[in-house]
């Protein structure tokens, strides 16, 4: 169980959104930023 858990704990797949959160504004397109803004404003990010 510990070995299986360790394997799954290493299954990490960073994306462009992580680059954005770290300060790379250009990692997201303008439409993606619009979607991010809507995601927050409409309430999706509350959950």
ModelCIF file with pLDDT and N, C-alpha, C, O atoms, coordinates in Angstrom:
data_MODEL
#
_entry.id   MODEL 
#
_entity.id                         1 
_entity.type                       polymer 
_entity.pdbx_number_of_molecules   1 
#
_entity_poly.entity_id                      1 
_entity_poly.type                           'polypeptide(L)' 
_entity_poly.nstd_linkage                   no 
_entity_poly.nstd_monomer                   no 
_entity_poly.pdbx_seq_one_letter_code       
;(UNK)(UNK)(UNK)(UNK)(UNK)(UNK)(UNK)(UNK)(UNK)(UNK)(UNK)(UNK)(UNK)(UNK)(UNK)(UNK)
(UNK)(UNK)(UNK)(UNK)(UNK)(UNK)(UNK)(UNK)(UNK)(UNK)(UNK)(UNK)(UNK)(UNK)(UNK)(UNK)
(UNK)(UNK)(UNK)(UNK)(UNK)(UNK)(UNK)(UNK)(UNK)(UNK)(UNK)(UNK)(UNK)(UNK)(UNK)
;
_entity_poly.pdbx_seq_one_letter_code_can   XXXXXXXXXXXXXXXXXXXXXXXXXXXXXXXXXXXXXXXXXXXXXXX 
_entity_poly.pdbx_strand_id                 A 
#
loop_
_entity_poly_seq.entity_id 
_entity_poly_seq.num 
_entity_poly_seq.mon_id 
_entity_poly_seq.hetero 
1 1  UNK n 
1 2  UNK n 
1 3  UNK n 
1 4  UNK n 
1 5  UNK n 
1 6  UNK n 
1 7  UNK n 
1 8  UNK n 
1 9  UNK n 
1 10 UNK n 
1 11 UNK n 
1 12 UNK n 
1 13 UNK n 
1 14 UNK n 
1 15 UNK n 
1 16 UNK n 
1 17 UNK n 
1 18 UNK n 
1 19 UNK n 
1 20 UNK n 
1 21 UNK n 
1 22 UNK n 
1 23 UNK n 
1 24 UNK n 
1 25 UNK n 
1 26 UNK n 
1 27 UNK n 
1 28 UNK n 
1 29 UNK n 
1 30 UNK n 
1 31 UNK n 
1 32 UNK n 
1 33 UNK n 
1 34 UNK n 
1 35 UNK n 
1 36 UNK n 
1 37 UNK n 
1 38 UNK n 
1 39 UNK n 
1 40 UNK n 
1 41 UNK n 
1 42 UNK n 
1 43 UNK n 
1 44 UNK n 
1 45 UNK n 
1 46 UNK n 
1 47 UNK n 
#
_struct_asym.id          A 
_struct_asym.entity_id   1 
#
loop_
_ma_qa_metric.id 
_ma_qa_metric.mode 
_ma_qa_metric.name 
_ma_qa_metric.software_group_id 
_ma_qa_metric.type 
1 global pLDDT . pLDDT 
2 local  pLDDT . pLDDT 
#
_ma_qa_metric_global.metric_id      1 
_ma_qa_metric_global.metric_value   97.53 
_ma_qa_metric_global.model_id       1 
_ma_qa_metric_global.ordinal_id     1 
#
loop_
_ma_qa_metric_local.label_asym_id 
_ma_qa_metric_local.label_comp_id 
_ma_qa_metric_local.label_seq_id 
_ma_qa_metric_local.metric_id 
_ma_qa_metric_local.metric_value 
_ma_qa_metric_local.model_id 
_ma_qa_metric_local.ordinal_id 
A UNK 1  2 98.00 1 1  
A UNK 2  2 98.00 1 2  
A UNK 3  2 98.00 1 3  
A UNK 4  2 98.00 1 4  
A UNK 5  2 97.00 1 5  
A UNK 6  2 98.00 1 6  
A UNK 7  2 97.00 1 7  
A UNK 8  2 97.00 1 8  
A UNK 9  2 97.00 1 9  
A UNK 10 2 97.00 1 10 
A UNK 11 2 97.00 1 11 
A UNK 12 2 97.00 1 12 
A UNK 13 2 98.00 1 13 
A UNK 14 2 97.00 1 14 
A UNK 15 2 98.00 1 15 
A UNK 16 2 98.00 1 16 
A UNK 17 2 98.00 1 17 
A UNK 18 2 98.00 1 18 
A UNK 19 2 98.00 1 19 
A UNK 20 2 98.00 1 20 
A UNK 21 2 98.00 1 21 
A UNK 22 2 97.00 1 22 
A UNK 23 2 96.00 1 23 
A UNK 24 2 97.00 1 24 
A UNK 25 2 95.00 1 25 
A UNK 26 2 96.00 1 26 
A UNK 27 2 98.00 1 27 
A UNK 28 2 98.00 1 28 
A UNK 29 2 97.00 1 29 
A UNK 30 2 97.00 1 30 
A UNK 31 2 98.00 1 31 
A UNK 32 2 98.00 1 32 
A UNK 33 2 98.00 1 33 
A UNK 34 2 98.00 1 34 
A UNK 35 2 98.00 1 35 
A UNK 36 2 98.00 1 36 
A UNK 37 2 98.00 1 37 
A UNK 38 2 98.00 1 38 
A UNK 39 2 98.00 1 39 
A UNK 40 2 98.00 1 40 
A UNK 41 2 98.00 1 41 
A UNK 42 2 98.00 1 42 
A UNK 43 2 98.00 1 43 
A UNK 44 2 98.00 1 44 
A UNK 45 2 98.00 1 45 
A UNK 46 2 96.00 1 46 
A UNK 47 2 97.00 1 47 
#
loop_
_atom_site.group_PDB 
_atom_site.id 
_atom_site.type_symbol 
_atom_site.label_atom_id 
_atom_site.label_alt_id 
_atom_site.label_comp_id 
_atom_site.label_asym_id 
_atom_site.label_entity_id 
_atom_site.label_seq_id 
_atom_site.pdbx_PDB_ins_code 
_atom_site.Cartn_x 
_atom_site.Cartn_y 
_atom_site.Cartn_z 
_atom_site.occupancy 
_atom_site.B_iso_or_equiv 
_atom_site.pdbx_formal_charge 
_atom_site.auth_seq_id 
_atom_site.auth_comp_id 
_atom_site.auth_asym_id 
_atom_site.auth_atom_id 
_atom_site.pdbx_PDB_model_num 
ATOM 1   N N  . UNK A 1 1  ? 0.824   -1.202 0.000   1.00 98.00 ? 1  UNK A N  1 
ATOM 2   C CA . UNK A 1 1  ? 0.000   0.000  0.000   1.00 98.00 ? 1  UNK A CA 1 
ATOM 3   C C  . UNK A 1 1  ? 0.865   1.262  0.000   1.00 98.00 ? 1  UNK A C  1 
ATOM 4   O O  . UNK A 1 1  ? 0.549   2.225  -0.698  1.00 98.00 ? 1  UNK A O  1 
ATOM 5   N N  . UNK A 1 2  ? 1.941   1.265  0.768   1.00 98.00 ? 2  UNK A N  1 
ATOM 6   C CA . UNK A 1 2  ? 2.829   2.419  0.823   1.00 98.00 ? 2  UNK A CA 1 
ATOM 7   C C  . UNK A 1 2  ? 3.500   2.651  -0.534  1.00 98.00 ? 2  UNK A C  1 
ATOM 8   O O  . UNK A 1 2  ? 3.661   3.795  -0.959  1.00 98.00 ? 2  UNK A O  1 
ATOM 9   N N  . UNK A 1 3  ? 3.886   1.580  -1.206  1.00 98.00 ? 3  UNK A N  1 
ATOM 10  C CA . UNK A 1 3  ? 4.530   1.714  -2.513  1.00 98.00 ? 3  UNK A CA 1 
ATOM 11  C C  . UNK A 1 3  ? 3.553   2.253  -3.551  1.00 98.00 ? 3  UNK A C  1 
ATOM 12  O O  . UNK A 1 3  ? 3.900   3.143  -4.328  1.00 98.00 ? 3  UNK A O  1 
ATOM 13  N N  . UNK A 1 4  ? 2.341   1.723  -3.568  1.00 98.00 ? 4  UNK A N  1 
ATOM 14  C CA . UNK A 1 4  ? 1.329   2.241  -4.491  1.00 98.00 ? 4  UNK A CA 1 
ATOM 15  C C  . UNK A 1 4  ? 1.020   3.706  -4.195  1.00 98.00 ? 4  UNK A C  1 
ATOM 16  O O  . UNK A 1 4  ? 0.859   4.514  -5.109  1.00 98.00 ? 4  UNK A O  1 
ATOM 17  N N  . UNK A 1 5  ? 0.938   4.038  -2.908  1.00 97.00 ? 5  UNK A N  1 
ATOM 18  C CA . UNK A 1 5  ? 0.692   5.421  -2.532  1.00 97.00 ? 5  UNK A CA 1 
ATOM 19  C C  . UNK A 1 5  ? 1.801   6.342  -2.990  1.00 97.00 ? 5  UNK A C  1 
ATOM 20  O O  . UNK A 1 5  ? 1.533   7.441  -3.476  1.00 97.00 ? 5  UNK A O  1 
ATOM 21  N N  . UNK A 1 6  ? 3.054   5.908  -2.841  1.00 98.00 ? 6  UNK A N  1 
ATOM 22  C CA . UNK A 1 6  ? 4.195   6.718  -3.262  1.00 98.00 ? 6  UNK A CA 1 
ATOM 23  C C  . UNK A 1 6  ? 4.162   6.962  -4.770  1.00 98.00 ? 6  UNK A C  1 
ATOM 24  O O  . UNK A 1 6  ? 4.447   8.068  -5.229  1.00 98.00 ? 6  UNK A O  1 
ATOM 25  N N  . UNK A 1 7  ? 3.817   5.940  -5.533  1.00 97.00 ? 7  UNK A N  1 
ATOM 26  C CA . UNK A 1 7  ? 3.715   6.098  -6.988  1.00 97.00 ? 7  UNK A CA 1 
ATOM 27  C C  . UNK A 1 7  ? 2.663   7.142  -7.342  1.00 97.00 ? 7  UNK A C  1 
ATOM 28  O O  . UNK A 1 7  ? 2.913   8.026  -8.161  1.00 97.00 ? 7  UNK A O  1 
ATOM 29  N N  . UNK A 1 8  ? 1.496   7.040  -6.730  1.00 97.00 ? 8  UNK A N  1 
ATOM 30  C CA . UNK A 1 8  ? 0.433   7.988  -7.051  1.00 97.00 ? 8  UNK A CA 1 
ATOM 31  C C  . UNK A 1 8  ? 0.759   9.395  -6.561  1.00 97.00 ? 8  UNK A C  1 
ATOM 32  O O  . UNK A 1 8  ? 0.316   10.372 -7.164  1.00 97.00 ? 8  UNK A O  1 
ATOM 33  N N  . UNK A 1 9  ? 1.523   9.515  -5.482  1.00 97.00 ? 9  UNK A N  1 
ATOM 34  C CA . UNK A 1 9  ? 1.919   10.835 -4.992  1.00 97.00 ? 9  UNK A CA 1 
ATOM 35  C C  . UNK A 1 9  ? 2.897   11.525 -5.946  1.00 97.00 ? 9  UNK A C  1 
ATOM 36  O O  . UNK A 1 9  ? 3.078   12.741 -5.889  1.00 97.00 ? 9  UNK A O  1 
ATOM 37  N N  . UNK A 1 10 ? 3.520   10.743 -6.816  1.00 97.00 ? 10 UNK A N  1 
ATOM 38  C CA . UNK A 1 10 ? 4.451   11.305 -7.794  1.00 97.00 ? 10 UNK A CA 1 
ATOM 39  C C  . UNK A 1 10 ? 3.800   11.602 -9.138  1.00 97.00 ? 10 UNK A C  1 
ATOM 40  O O  . UNK A 1 10 ? 4.458   12.115 -10.043 1.00 97.00 ? 10 UNK A O  1 
ATOM 41  N N  . UNK A 1 11 ? 2.521   11.287 -9.280  1.00 97.00 ? 11 UNK A N  1 
ATOM 42  C CA . UNK A 1 11 ? 1.814   11.524 -10.551 1.00 97.00 ? 11 UNK A CA 1 
ATOM 43  C C  . UNK A 1 11 ? 1.335   12.976 -10.615 1.00 97.00 ? 11 UNK A C  1 
ATOM 44  O O  . UNK A 1 11 ? 0.146   13.257 -10.468 1.00 97.00 ? 11 UNK A O  1 
ATOM 45  N N  . UNK A 1 12 ? 2.261   13.873 -10.830 1.00 97.00 ? 12 UNK A N  1 
ATOM 46  C CA . UNK A 1 12 ? 1.983   15.313 -10.843 1.00 97.00 ? 12 UNK A CA 1 
ATOM 47  C C  . UNK A 1 12 ? 2.218   15.850 -12.255 1.00 97.00 ? 12 UNK A C  1 
ATOM 48  O O  . UNK A 1 12 ? 3.271   15.617 -12.849 1.00 97.00 ? 12 UNK A O  1 
ATOM 49  N N  . UNK A 1 13 ? 1.226   16.571 -12.788 1.00 98.00 ? 13 UNK A N  1 
ATOM 50  C CA . UNK A 1 13 ? 1.322   17.066 -14.167 1.00 98.00 ? 13 UNK A CA 1 
ATOM 51  C C  . UNK A 1 13 ? 1.091   18.573 -14.229 1.00 98.00 ? 13 UNK A C  1 
ATOM 52  O O  . UNK A 1 13 ? -0.022  19.006 -14.527 1.00 98.00 ? 13 UNK A O  1 
ATOM 53  N N  . UNK A 1 14 ? 2.118   19.383 -13.955 1.00 97.00 ? 14 UNK A N  1 
ATOM 54  C CA . UNK A 1 14 ? 1.971   20.836 -14.044 1.00 97.00 ? 14 UNK A CA 1 
ATOM 55  C C  . UNK A 1 14 ? 1.599   21.278 -15.461 1.00 97.00 ? 14 UNK A C  1 
ATOM 56  O O  . UNK A 1 14 ? 1.962   20.630 -16.443 1.00 97.00 ? 14 UNK A O  1 
ATOM 57  N N  . UNK A 1 15 ? 0.878   22.378 -15.546 1.00 98.00 ? 15 UNK A N  1 
ATOM 58  C CA . UNK A 1 15 ? 0.397   22.873 -16.831 1.00 98.00 ? 15 UNK A CA 1 
ATOM 59  C C  . UNK A 1 15 ? 0.759   24.346 -17.006 1.00 98.00 ? 15 UNK A C  1 
ATOM 60  O O  . UNK A 1 15 ? 1.441   24.931 -16.164 1.00 98.00 ? 15 UNK A O  1 
ATOM 61  N N  . UNK A 1 16 ? 0.300   24.933 -18.098 1.00 98.00 ? 16 UNK A N  1 
ATOM 62  C CA . UNK A 1 16 ? 0.525   26.363 -18.342 1.00 98.00 ? 16 UNK A CA 1 
ATOM 63  C C  . UNK A 1 16 ? -0.106  27.222 -17.249 1.00 98.00 ? 16 UNK A C  1 
ATOM 64  O O  . UNK A 1 16 ? 0.368   28.324 -16.973 1.00 98.00 ? 16 UNK A O  1 
ATOM 65  N N  . UNK A 1 17 ? -1.154  26.732 -16.637 1.00 98.00 ? 17 UNK A N  1 
ATOM 66  C CA . UNK A 1 17 ? -1.793  27.503 -15.575 1.00 98.00 ? 17 UNK A CA 1 
ATOM 67  C C  . UNK A 1 17 ? -0.856  27.659 -14.381 1.00 98.00 ? 17 UNK A C  1 
ATOM 68  O O  . UNK A 1 17 ? -0.887  28.686 -13.703 1.00 98.00 ? 17 UNK A O  1 
ATOM 69  N N  . UNK A 1 18 ? -0.036  26.667 -14.120 1.00 98.00 ? 18 UNK A N  1 
ATOM 70  C CA . UNK A 1 18 ? 0.942   26.780 -13.043 1.00 98.00 ? 18 UNK A CA 1 
ATOM 71  C C  . UNK A 1 18 ? 1.976   27.851 -13.372 1.00 98.00 ? 18 UNK A C  1 
ATOM 72  O O  . UNK A 1 18 ? 2.394   28.612 -12.501 1.00 98.00 ? 18 UNK A O  1 
ATOM 73  N N  . UNK A 1 19 ? 2.381   27.900 -14.634 1.00 98.00 ? 19 UNK A N  1 
ATOM 74  C CA . UNK A 1 19 ? 3.322   28.938 -15.062 1.00 98.00 ? 19 UNK A CA 1 
ATOM 75  C C  . UNK A 1 19 ? 2.696   30.318 -14.868 1.00 98.00 ? 19 UNK A C  1 
ATOM 76  O O  . UNK A 1 19 ? 3.362   31.262 -14.444 1.00 98.00 ? 19 UNK A O  1 
ATOM 77  N N  . UNK A 1 20 ? 1.413   30.418 -15.184 1.00 98.00 ? 20 UNK A N  1 
ATOM 78  C CA . UNK A 1 20 ? 0.694   31.686 -15.006 1.00 98.00 ? 20 UNK A CA 1 
ATOM 79  C C  . UNK A 1 20 ? 0.668   32.092 -13.539 1.00 98.00 ? 20 UNK A C  1 
ATOM 80  O O  . UNK A 1 20 ? 0.957   33.241 -13.205 1.00 98.00 ? 20 UNK A O  1 
ATOM 81  N N  . UNK A 1 21 ? 0.324   31.154 -12.665 1.00 98.00 ? 21 UNK A N  1 
ATOM 82  C CA . UNK A 1 21 ? 0.249   31.462 -11.235 1.00 98.00 ? 21 UNK A CA 1 
ATOM 83  C C  . UNK A 1 21 ? 1.608   31.858 -10.663 1.00 98.00 ? 21 UNK A C  1 
ATOM 84  O O  . UNK A 1 21 ? 1.685   32.577 -9.667  1.00 98.00 ? 21 UNK A O  1 
ATOM 85  N N  . UNK A 1 22 ? 2.669   31.386 -11.296 1.00 97.00 ? 22 UNK A N  1 
ATOM 86  C CA . UNK A 1 22 ? 4.012   31.723 -10.843 1.00 97.00 ? 22 UNK A CA 1 
ATOM 87  C C  . UNK A 1 22 ? 4.497   33.059 -11.414 1.00 97.00 ? 22 UNK A C  1 
ATOM 88  O O  . UNK A 1 22 ? 5.605   33.497 -11.107 1.00 97.00 ? 22 UNK A O  1 
ATOM 89  N N  . UNK A 1 23 ? 3.670   33.706 -12.243 1.00 96.00 ? 23 UNK A N  1 
ATOM 90  C CA . UNK A 1 23 ? 4.018   35.039 -12.703 1.00 96.00 ? 23 UNK A CA 1 
ATOM 91  C C  . UNK A 1 23 ? 4.183   35.227 -14.185 1.00 96.00 ? 23 UNK A C  1 
ATOM 92  O O  . UNK A 1 23 ? 4.410   36.347 -14.641 1.00 96.00 ? 23 UNK A O  1 
ATOM 93  N N  . UNK A 1 24 ? 4.074   34.140 -14.967 1.00 97.00 ? 24 UNK A N  1 
ATOM 94  C CA . UNK A 1 24 ? 4.208   34.267 -16.419 1.00 97.00 ? 24 UNK A CA 1 
ATOM 95  C C  . UNK A 1 24 ? 2.845   34.621 -17.012 1.00 97.00 ? 24 UNK A C  1 
ATOM 96  O O  . UNK A 1 24 ? 2.059   33.734 -17.344 1.00 97.00 ? 24 UNK A O  1 
ATOM 97  N N  . UNK A 1 25 ? 2.569   35.913 -17.142 1.00 95.00 ? 25 UNK A N  1 
ATOM 98  C CA . UNK A 1 25 ? 1.273   36.397 -17.622 1.00 95.00 ? 25 UNK A CA 1 
ATOM 99  C C  . UNK A 1 25 ? 0.944   35.855 -19.006 1.00 95.00 ? 25 UNK A C  1 
ATOM 100 O O  . UNK A 1 25 ? -0.218  35.593 -19.315 1.00 95.00 ? 25 UNK A O  1 
ATOM 101 N N  . UNK A 1 26 ? 1.964   35.689 -19.835 1.00 96.00 ? 26 UNK A N  1 
ATOM 102 C CA . UNK A 1 26 ? 1.744   35.255 -21.214 1.00 96.00 ? 26 UNK A CA 1 
ATOM 103 C C  . UNK A 1 26 ? 1.532   33.745 -21.347 1.00 96.00 ? 26 UNK A C  1 
ATOM 104 O O  . UNK A 1 26 ? 1.364   33.246 -22.460 1.00 96.00 ? 26 UNK A O  1 
ATOM 105 N N  . UNK A 1 27 ? 1.536   33.018 -20.243 1.00 98.00 ? 27 UNK A N  1 
ATOM 106 C CA . UNK A 1 27 ? 1.330   31.567 -20.312 1.00 98.00 ? 27 UNK A CA 1 
ATOM 107 C C  . UNK A 1 27 ? -0.093  31.222 -20.740 1.00 98.00 ? 27 UNK A C  1 
ATOM 108 O O  . UNK A 1 27 ? -0.340  30.139 -21.270 1.00 98.00 ? 27 UNK A O  1 
ATOM 109 N N  . UNK A 1 28 ? -1.047  32.160 -20.505 1.00 98.00 ? 28 UNK A N  1 
ATOM 110 C CA . UNK A 1 28 ? -2.437  31.958 -20.917 1.00 98.00 ? 28 UNK A CA 1 
ATOM 111 C C  . UNK A 1 28 ? -2.770  32.902 -22.068 1.00 98.00 ? 28 UNK A C  1 
ATOM 112 O O  . UNK A 1 28 ? -2.281  34.030 -22.126 1.00 98.00 ? 28 UNK A O  1 
ATOM 113 N N  . UNK A 1 29 ? -3.606  32.423 -22.978 1.00 97.00 ? 29 UNK A N  1 
ATOM 114 C CA . UNK A 1 29 ? -4.090  33.274 -24.076 1.00 97.00 ? 29 UNK A CA 1 
ATOM 115 C C  . UNK A 1 29 ? -5.130  34.248 -23.537 1.00 97.00 ? 29 UNK A C  1 
ATOM 116 O O  . UNK A 1 29 ? -5.581  34.126 -22.398 1.00 97.00 ? 29 UNK A O  1 
ATOM 117 N N  . UNK A 1 30 ? -5.498  35.203 -24.357 1.00 97.00 ? 30 UNK A N  1 
ATOM 118 C CA . UNK A 1 30 ? -6.500  36.181 -23.934 1.00 97.00 ? 30 UNK A CA 1 
ATOM 119 C C  . UNK A 1 30 ? -7.848  35.506 -23.667 1.00 97.00 ? 30 UNK A C  1 
ATOM 120 O O  . UNK A 1 30 ? -8.540  35.865 -22.715 1.00 97.00 ? 30 UNK A O  1 
ATOM 121 N N  . UNK A 1 31 ? -8.224  34.533 -24.500 1.00 98.00 ? 31 UNK A N  1 
ATOM 122 C CA . UNK A 1 31 ? -9.497  33.838 -24.277 1.00 98.00 ? 31 UNK A CA 1 
ATOM 123 C C  . UNK A 1 31 ? -9.443  33.015 -22.998 1.00 98.00 ? 31 UNK A C  1 
ATOM 124 O O  . UNK A 1 31 ? -10.431 32.930 -22.268 1.00 98.00 ? 31 UNK A O  1 
ATOM 125 N N  . UNK A 1 32 ? -8.303  32.415 -22.728 1.00 98.00 ? 32 UNK A N  1 
ATOM 126 C CA . UNK A 1 32 ? -8.167  31.642 -21.489 1.00 98.00 ? 32 UNK A CA 1 
ATOM 127 C C  . UNK A 1 32 ? -8.257  32.553 -20.266 1.00 98.00 ? 32 UNK A C  1 
ATOM 128 O O  . UNK A 1 32 ? -8.828  32.171 -19.244 1.00 98.00 ? 32 UNK A O  1 
ATOM 129 N N  . UNK A 1 33 ? -7.699  33.745 -20.372 1.00 98.00 ? 33 UNK A N  1 
ATOM 130 C CA . UNK A 1 33 ? -7.805  34.703 -19.267 1.00 98.00 ? 33 UNK A CA 1 
ATOM 131 C C  . UNK A 1 33 ? -9.242  35.165 -19.084 1.00 98.00 ? 33 UNK A C  1 
ATOM 132 O O  . UNK A 1 33 ? -9.703  35.362 -17.960 1.00 98.00 ? 33 UNK A O  1 
ATOM 133 N N  . UNK A 1 34 ? -9.943  35.336 -20.196 1.00 98.00 ? 34 UNK A N  1 
ATOM 134 C CA . UNK A 1 34 ? -11.366 35.681 -20.111 1.00 98.00 ? 34 UNK A CA 1 
ATOM 135 C C  . UNK A 1 34 ? -12.128 34.572 -19.400 1.00 98.00 ? 34 UNK A C  1 
ATOM 136 O O  . UNK A 1 34 ? -12.985 34.831 -18.555 1.00 98.00 ? 34 UNK A O  1 
ATOM 137 N N  . UNK A 1 35 ? -11.802 33.326 -19.756 1.00 98.00 ? 35 UNK A N  1 
ATOM 138 C CA . UNK A 1 35 ? -12.442 32.180 -19.108 1.00 98.00 ? 35 UNK A CA 1 
ATOM 139 C C  . UNK A 1 35 ? -12.117 32.099 -17.637 1.00 98.00 ? 35 UNK A C  1 
ATOM 140 O O  . UNK A 1 35 ? -12.982 31.774 -16.823 1.00 98.00 ? 35 UNK A O  1 
ATOM 141 N N  . UNK A 1 36 ? -10.877 32.391 -17.286 1.00 98.00 ? 36 UNK A N  1 
ATOM 142 C CA . UNK A 1 36 ? -10.474 32.417 -15.872 1.00 98.00 ? 36 UNK A CA 1 
ATOM 143 C C  . UNK A 1 36 ? -11.270 33.463 -15.110 1.00 98.00 ? 36 UNK A C  1 
ATOM 144 O O  . UNK A 1 36 ? -11.754 33.208 -14.007 1.00 98.00 ? 36 UNK A O  1 
ATOM 145 N N  . UNK A 1 37 ? -11.402 34.645 -15.705 1.00 98.00 ? 37 UNK A N  1 
ATOM 146 C CA . UNK A 1 37 ? -12.152 35.725 -15.059 1.00 98.00 ? 37 UNK A CA 1 
ATOM 147 C C  . UNK A 1 37 ? -13.609 35.315 -14.852 1.00 98.00 ? 37 UNK A C  1 
ATOM 148 O O  . UNK A 1 37 ? -14.176 35.556 -13.787 1.00 98.00 ? 37 UNK A O  1 
ATOM 149 N N  . UNK A 1 38 ? -14.216 34.696 -15.864 1.00 98.00 ? 38 UNK A N  1 
ATOM 150 C CA . UNK A 1 38 ? -15.599 34.228 -15.755 1.00 98.00 ? 38 UNK A CA 1 
ATOM 151 C C  . UNK A 1 38 ? -15.725 33.118 -14.714 1.00 98.00 ? 38 UNK A C  1 
ATOM 152 O O  . UNK A 1 38 ? -16.691 33.074 -13.952 1.00 98.00 ? 38 UNK A O  1 
ATOM 153 N N  . UNK A 1 39 ? -14.748 32.232 -14.691 1.00 98.00 ? 39 UNK A N  1 
ATOM 154 C CA . UNK A 1 39 ? -14.743 31.109 -13.745 1.00 98.00 ? 39 UNK A CA 1 
ATOM 155 C C  . UNK A 1 39 ? -14.818 31.624 -12.311 1.00 98.00 ? 39 UNK A C  1 
ATOM 156 O O  . UNK A 1 39 ? -15.490 31.041 -11.460 1.00 98.00 ? 39 UNK A O  1 
ATOM 157 N N  . UNK A 1 40 ? -14.117 32.722 -12.063 1.00 98.00 ? 40 UNK A N  1 
ATOM 158 C CA . UNK A 1 40 ? -14.127 33.328 -10.727 1.00 98.00 ? 40 UNK A CA 1 
ATOM 159 C C  . UNK A 1 40 ? -15.401 34.133 -10.503 1.00 98.00 ? 40 UNK A C  1 
ATOM 160 O O  . UNK A 1 40 ? -16.063 33.982 -9.476  1.00 98.00 ? 40 UNK A O  1 
ATOM 161 N N  . UNK A 1 41 ? -15.744 34.989 -11.462 1.00 98.00 ? 41 UNK A N  1 
ATOM 162 C CA . UNK A 1 41 ? -16.872 35.902 -11.282 1.00 98.00 ? 41 UNK A CA 1 
ATOM 163 C C  . UNK A 1 41 ? -18.214 35.186 -11.222 1.00 98.00 ? 41 UNK A C  1 
ATOM 164 O O  . UNK A 1 41 ? -19.105 35.611 -10.486 1.00 98.00 ? 41 UNK A O  1 
ATOM 165 N N  . UNK A 1 42 ? -18.373 34.118 -11.976 1.00 98.00 ? 42 UNK A N  1 
ATOM 166 C CA . UNK A 1 42 ? -19.653 33.401 -11.989 1.00 98.00 ? 42 UNK A CA 1 
ATOM 167 C C  . UNK A 1 42 ? -19.853 32.525 -10.758 1.00 98.00 ? 42 UNK A C  1 
ATOM 168 O O  . UNK A 1 42 ? -20.974 32.097 -10.480 1.00 98.00 ? 42 UNK A O  1 
ATOM 169 N N  . UNK A 1 43 ? -18.778 32.254 -10.018 1.00 98.00 ? 43 UNK A N  1 
ATOM 170 C CA . UNK A 1 43 ? -18.908 31.477 -8.798  1.00 98.00 ? 43 UNK A CA 1 
ATOM 171 C C  . UNK A 1 43 ? -18.353 30.076 -8.858  1.00 98.00 ? 43 UNK A C  1 
ATOM 172 O O  . UNK A 1 43 ? -18.435 29.343 -7.873  1.00 98.00 ? 43 UNK A O  1 
ATOM 173 N N  . UNK A 1 44 ? -17.783 29.677 -9.996  1.00 98.00 ? 44 UNK A N  1 
ATOM 174 C CA . UNK A 1 44 ? -17.232 28.321 -10.121 1.00 98.00 ? 44 UNK A CA 1 
ATOM 175 C C  . UNK A 1 44 ? -16.131 28.077 -9.102  1.00 98.00 ? 44 UNK A C  1 
ATOM 176 O O  . UNK A 1 44 ? -15.999 26.981 -8.557  1.00 98.00 ? 44 UNK A O  1 
ATOM 177 N N  . UNK A 1 45 ? -15.328 29.136 -8.850  1.00 98.00 ? 45 UNK A N  1 
ATOM 178 C CA . UNK A 1 45 ? -14.172 28.999 -7.962  1.00 98.00 ? 45 UNK A CA 1 
ATOM 179 C C  . UNK A 1 45 ? -14.557 28.896 -6.495  1.00 98.00 ? 45 UNK A C  1 
ATOM 180 O O  . UNK A 1 45 ? -13.695 28.653 -5.651  1.00 98.00 ? 45 UNK A O  1 
ATOM 181 N N  . UNK A 1 46 ? -15.828 29.075 -6.177  1.00 96.00 ? 46 UNK A N  1 
ATOM 182 C CA . UNK A 1 46 ? -16.236 28.928 -4.776  1.00 96.00 ? 46 UNK A CA 1 
ATOM 183 C C  . UNK A 1 46 ? -16.153 27.471 -4.338  1.00 96.00 ? 46 UNK A C  1 
ATOM 184 O O  . UNK A 1 46 ? -15.992 27.193 -3.150  1.00 96.00 ? 46 UNK A O  1 
ATOM 185 N N  . UNK A 1 47 ? -16.261 26.541 -5.278  1.00 97.00 ? 47 UNK A N  1 
ATOM 186 C CA . UNK A 1 47 ? -16.126 25.110 -4.977  1.00 97.00 ? 47 UNK A CA 1 
ATOM 187 C C  . UNK A 1 47 ? -14.853 24.524 -5.594  1.00 97.00 ? 47 UNK A C  1 
ATOM 188 O O  . UNK A 1 47 ? -14.583 23.333 -5.439  1.00 97.00 ? 47 UNK A O  1 
#
